[in-house]
Protein backbone atom coordinates (compact mmCIF):
# COMPACT_ATOMS: atom_id res chain seq x y z
CA MET A 1 -14.91 -94.51 23.58
CA PRO A 2 -13.03 -92.29 25.95
CA ALA A 3 -12.77 -88.39 25.22
CA VAL A 4 -9.52 -87.23 23.90
CA ASP A 5 -7.61 -84.77 25.94
CA TRP A 6 -6.55 -82.62 23.07
CA ARG A 7 -4.62 -80.34 25.12
CA ALA A 8 -2.37 -83.17 26.32
CA PHE A 9 -2.08 -84.53 22.68
CA GLY A 10 -1.05 -81.11 21.49
CA GLU A 11 1.87 -81.00 24.25
CA ARG A 12 2.93 -84.53 23.31
CA VAL A 13 3.04 -83.55 19.49
CA LEU A 14 5.19 -80.48 20.44
CA ASP A 15 7.48 -82.69 22.55
CA PHE A 16 7.90 -84.87 19.32
CA LEU A 17 8.52 -82.20 16.96
CA PHE A 18 10.74 -80.12 19.15
CA THR A 19 12.95 -82.05 21.46
CA PRO A 20 12.57 -80.71 25.12
CA ARG A 21 15.57 -79.03 26.92
CA CYS A 22 15.90 -78.34 30.47
CA VAL A 23 15.31 -74.91 31.40
CA GLY A 24 17.95 -75.06 33.90
CA CYS A 25 20.96 -76.35 31.98
CA GLN A 26 19.63 -76.82 28.43
CA ARG A 27 20.33 -80.68 28.48
CA GLU A 28 18.11 -82.47 25.91
CA GLY A 29 15.53 -84.82 27.10
CA SER A 30 13.28 -83.10 29.73
CA TYR A 31 12.23 -79.68 30.50
CA LEU A 32 13.52 -80.28 34.09
CA CYS A 33 16.30 -82.68 34.27
CA GLY A 34 17.09 -84.84 36.98
CA PRO A 35 20.43 -83.14 37.97
CA CYS A 36 18.78 -79.69 38.09
CA LEU A 37 15.87 -81.06 40.06
CA ASP A 38 18.38 -82.41 42.75
CA GLY A 39 19.88 -79.13 42.85
CA ALA A 40 16.64 -77.26 43.39
CA ARG A 41 15.91 -76.51 47.12
CA PRO A 42 12.99 -78.34 48.47
CA LEU A 43 10.20 -77.28 50.59
CA ASP A 44 9.18 -80.24 52.99
CA VAL A 45 7.23 -78.33 55.48
CA ALA A 46 3.76 -77.04 55.04
CA TYR A 47 3.30 -73.29 55.33
CA ASN A 48 0.72 -72.49 58.06
CA PRO A 49 -1.00 -69.28 58.13
CA ASP A 50 -1.38 -69.05 61.85
CA THR A 51 2.41 -69.13 62.30
CA ALA A 52 3.07 -66.73 59.59
CA MET A 53 5.61 -63.84 59.88
CA ALA A 54 4.19 -60.33 60.60
CA GLY A 55 3.18 -58.69 57.40
CA ALA A 56 2.82 -61.92 55.46
CA LEU A 57 -0.89 -62.07 55.85
CA PRO A 58 -3.88 -59.79 56.43
CA ALA A 59 -5.29 -58.81 59.82
CA GLU A 60 -7.86 -61.82 59.89
CA PRO A 61 -6.25 -64.87 58.33
CA GLY A 62 -7.74 -68.28 58.11
CA ALA A 63 -9.21 -68.96 54.76
CA LEU A 64 -6.47 -71.56 54.09
CA GLU A 65 -5.65 -74.76 56.15
CA GLY A 66 -2.06 -74.26 54.93
CA VAL A 67 -0.06 -74.16 51.74
CA VAL A 68 2.30 -76.83 50.55
CA SER A 69 5.08 -76.01 47.88
CA CYS A 70 7.81 -78.09 45.95
CA PHE A 71 10.70 -75.69 45.72
CA VAL A 72 12.01 -72.30 46.91
CA MET A 73 11.57 -69.76 44.22
CA GLU A 74 15.18 -69.76 43.03
CA GLY A 75 17.45 -71.22 40.30
CA THR A 76 15.80 -73.89 38.31
CA ALA A 77 12.40 -73.65 39.99
CA ARG A 78 12.29 -69.82 39.02
CA GLU A 79 13.35 -70.73 35.43
CA ALA A 80 10.50 -73.09 35.38
CA VAL A 81 7.87 -70.62 36.53
CA HIS A 82 9.19 -67.88 34.18
CA HIS A 83 9.23 -70.31 31.14
CA LEU A 84 5.61 -71.39 31.80
CA LYS A 85 4.15 -67.75 32.77
CA TYR A 86 6.20 -65.54 30.57
CA ARG A 87 7.66 -67.48 27.73
CA GLY A 88 4.82 -69.67 26.69
CA LEU A 89 6.26 -72.99 27.58
CA ARG A 90 2.90 -74.61 28.25
CA ALA A 91 4.18 -78.17 27.86
CA ILE A 92 6.52 -77.61 31.02
CA ALA A 93 3.14 -77.64 32.96
CA GLN A 94 3.11 -81.38 32.80
CA VAL A 95 6.17 -81.84 34.63
CA MET A 96 5.66 -79.23 37.25
CA GLY A 97 2.16 -80.57 37.90
CA THR A 98 3.25 -84.12 38.43
CA LEU A 99 5.93 -82.84 40.82
CA MET A 100 3.25 -80.90 42.56
CA ALA A 101 0.81 -83.77 42.75
CA GLU A 102 3.49 -85.84 44.32
CA ARG A 103 4.20 -83.09 46.88
CA ALA A 104 0.52 -82.88 47.83
CA ARG A 105 0.45 -86.69 48.34
CA ARG A 106 3.44 -86.76 50.74
CA SER A 107 1.94 -83.93 52.57
CA GLY A 108 -1.33 -85.86 53.17
CA VAL A 109 -3.46 -83.14 52.02
CA VAL A 110 -6.99 -84.60 51.49
CA ALA A 111 -9.20 -83.02 48.67
CA ASP A 112 -12.13 -83.84 46.69
CA THR A 113 -11.46 -81.32 43.78
CA VAL A 114 -8.76 -79.14 42.29
CA VAL A 115 -9.29 -75.48 41.52
CA PRO A 116 -6.77 -73.21 39.84
CA ALA A 117 -6.27 -69.62 40.88
CA PRO A 118 -8.16 -67.81 38.36
CA LEU A 119 -6.87 -64.93 35.83
CA HIS A 120 -9.26 -62.04 34.96
CA ARG A 121 -10.65 -62.25 31.49
CA LYS A 122 -8.48 -59.41 30.35
CA ARG A 123 -5.29 -60.84 31.56
CA LEU A 124 -6.34 -64.26 30.10
CA ARG A 125 -6.71 -62.70 26.67
CA GLU A 126 -3.30 -61.21 26.79
CA ARG A 127 -1.46 -64.36 27.90
CA GLY A 128 -3.69 -66.70 25.96
CA TYR A 129 -3.91 -69.29 28.83
CA ASN A 130 -3.88 -69.32 32.53
CA GLN A 131 -0.69 -71.11 33.75
CA ALA A 132 -2.62 -72.25 37.05
CA GLU A 133 -5.22 -73.84 35.17
CA LEU A 134 -2.53 -75.88 33.32
CA LEU A 135 -0.94 -76.94 36.54
CA ALA A 136 -4.15 -77.93 38.01
CA ARG A 137 -5.03 -80.14 35.18
CA HIS A 138 -1.96 -82.21 35.63
CA VAL A 139 -2.16 -82.25 39.48
CA ALA A 140 -5.78 -83.45 39.22
CA ASN A 141 -4.53 -86.21 36.86
CA GLY A 142 -1.79 -86.99 39.19
CA LEU A 143 -4.05 -87.16 42.28
CA ASP A 144 -7.01 -88.78 40.37
CA LEU A 145 -9.45 -85.89 41.15
CA PRO A 146 -11.51 -83.60 39.11
CA ALA A 147 -10.20 -80.41 38.28
CA ASP A 148 -12.77 -77.72 38.20
CA ALA A 149 -11.52 -74.64 36.32
CA GLU A 150 -14.75 -72.60 36.71
CA ALA A 151 -15.33 -72.94 40.55
CA ALA A 152 -13.54 -69.57 41.11
CA GLN A 153 -13.44 -66.51 39.04
CA ARG A 154 -11.59 -63.28 39.14
CA VAL A 155 -14.12 -60.36 38.95
CA SER A 156 -11.71 -57.39 39.22
CA HIS A 157 -8.38 -56.46 37.29
CA GLY A 158 -5.89 -54.89 39.16
CA THR A 159 -1.99 -54.48 39.02
CA PRO A 160 -0.27 -57.81 38.24
CA GLN A 161 1.21 -59.28 41.17
CA ALA A 162 4.52 -59.35 39.78
CA ARG A 163 4.67 -55.73 39.33
CA SER A 164 3.42 -54.81 42.85
CA SER A 165 5.99 -53.06 44.87
CA GLY A 166 5.32 -54.76 48.28
CA VAL A 167 3.07 -56.67 50.53
CA ASP A 168 0.48 -53.82 51.08
CA ASP A 169 0.14 -53.43 47.23
CA ARG A 170 -0.28 -57.09 46.65
CA TRP A 171 -2.99 -57.32 49.07
CA ALA A 172 -4.75 -54.32 48.09
CA ALA A 173 -4.69 -55.65 44.34
CA VAL A 174 -6.76 -58.64 45.22
CA GLN A 175 -9.38 -57.39 47.84
CA GLY A 176 -12.85 -58.36 46.50
CA ALA A 177 -11.11 -59.67 43.44
CA PHE A 178 -12.46 -63.25 43.49
CA GLU A 179 -15.81 -64.85 43.62
CA ALA A 180 -16.95 -68.47 43.68
CA ALA A 181 -19.06 -69.39 40.61
CA ARG A 182 -21.21 -71.83 42.29
CA ARG A 183 -21.86 -73.39 45.82
CA LEU A 184 -19.11 -75.71 46.99
CA ASP A 185 -20.99 -77.18 50.02
CA GLY A 186 -18.99 -79.65 51.88
CA ARG A 187 -16.21 -79.77 49.16
CA ARG A 188 -12.41 -80.05 50.17
CA VAL A 189 -10.55 -77.82 47.86
CA LEU A 190 -7.07 -78.14 46.64
CA LEU A 191 -6.16 -74.51 45.23
CA VAL A 192 -3.39 -74.47 42.62
CA ASP A 193 -1.23 -71.43 41.60
CA ASP A 194 2.42 -71.31 40.32
CA VAL A 195 3.99 -69.23 43.10
CA TYR A 196 3.48 -68.30 46.80
CA THR A 197 4.75 -64.93 47.28
CA THR A 198 2.84 -63.11 50.00
CA GLY A 199 -0.26 -65.41 49.89
CA ALA A 200 -2.52 -62.60 48.73
CA THR A 201 -3.99 -64.58 45.94
CA LEU A 202 -4.37 -67.96 47.58
CA GLU A 203 -5.84 -66.47 50.67
CA THR A 204 -8.26 -64.15 49.15
CA CYS A 205 -9.32 -66.70 46.72
CA GLY A 206 -9.57 -69.21 49.36
CA ARG A 207 -11.77 -67.08 51.33
CA ALA A 208 -14.32 -66.77 48.43
CA LEU A 209 -14.33 -70.48 48.33
CA LYS A 210 -15.08 -70.85 51.93
CA ASP A 211 -17.87 -68.41 51.51
CA ALA A 212 -19.41 -70.70 48.92
CA GLY A 213 -19.34 -73.60 51.34
CA ALA A 214 -15.89 -75.32 50.85
CA VAL A 215 -15.01 -77.05 54.26
CA SER A 216 -11.54 -76.80 53.66
CA VAL A 217 -9.11 -74.94 51.33
CA TRP A 218 -5.41 -76.00 51.09
CA GLY A 219 -3.02 -74.16 48.67
CA LEU A 220 -0.65 -75.92 46.49
CA THR A 221 2.31 -74.07 44.43
CA PHE A 222 5.34 -75.12 42.47
CA ALA A 223 7.57 -72.81 44.14
CA ARG A 224 7.60 -70.21 47.04
CA GLU A 225 9.46 -66.89 47.81
CA LEU A 226 11.11 -66.96 51.00
């Protein structure tokens, strides 16, 4: 008898009890309706660290093969991220994660395993969940890949990225912050987060995964700040 995914079951129960409403327009039926998604600005070009604008990456980039994102961080995409991350709307992760899996498939990214960007245990206690882990679970389902929520861990607790005042602060907050929990020799990793802003989290976490033996690390986010 197959194992029951109780978290997914709980999300379906919530959808049954509380009619989903689009976070963009409040229309009933879905957390992200078709018209609002059609109005979101897509990102069809993968971000390449080697051609990044000055100041967007540290002096020695290269942990990531690249980053693919679904949308520009504005309008409906921003509402989706904020509802997931700050307003406790966990059920929207299924819609977002499915879109992210489709984006990764279109991009041709090859991976063996999906890893969420980790939260420090203190931040996890405060929020109650890791939004990247929720997204990674649905991305993995969409790509028929295993999700490994324990592959990476955050070992230092700095200022939340959203409160950092600039690029330098964001990079300073994550230096030495991530470690791999186990060897990943030969693995091709798809590293998932909700938003790409400066690349600090993905690049630093990706470096930890590469140091643990991963042969490639691609980043995948729902939205990206431009």
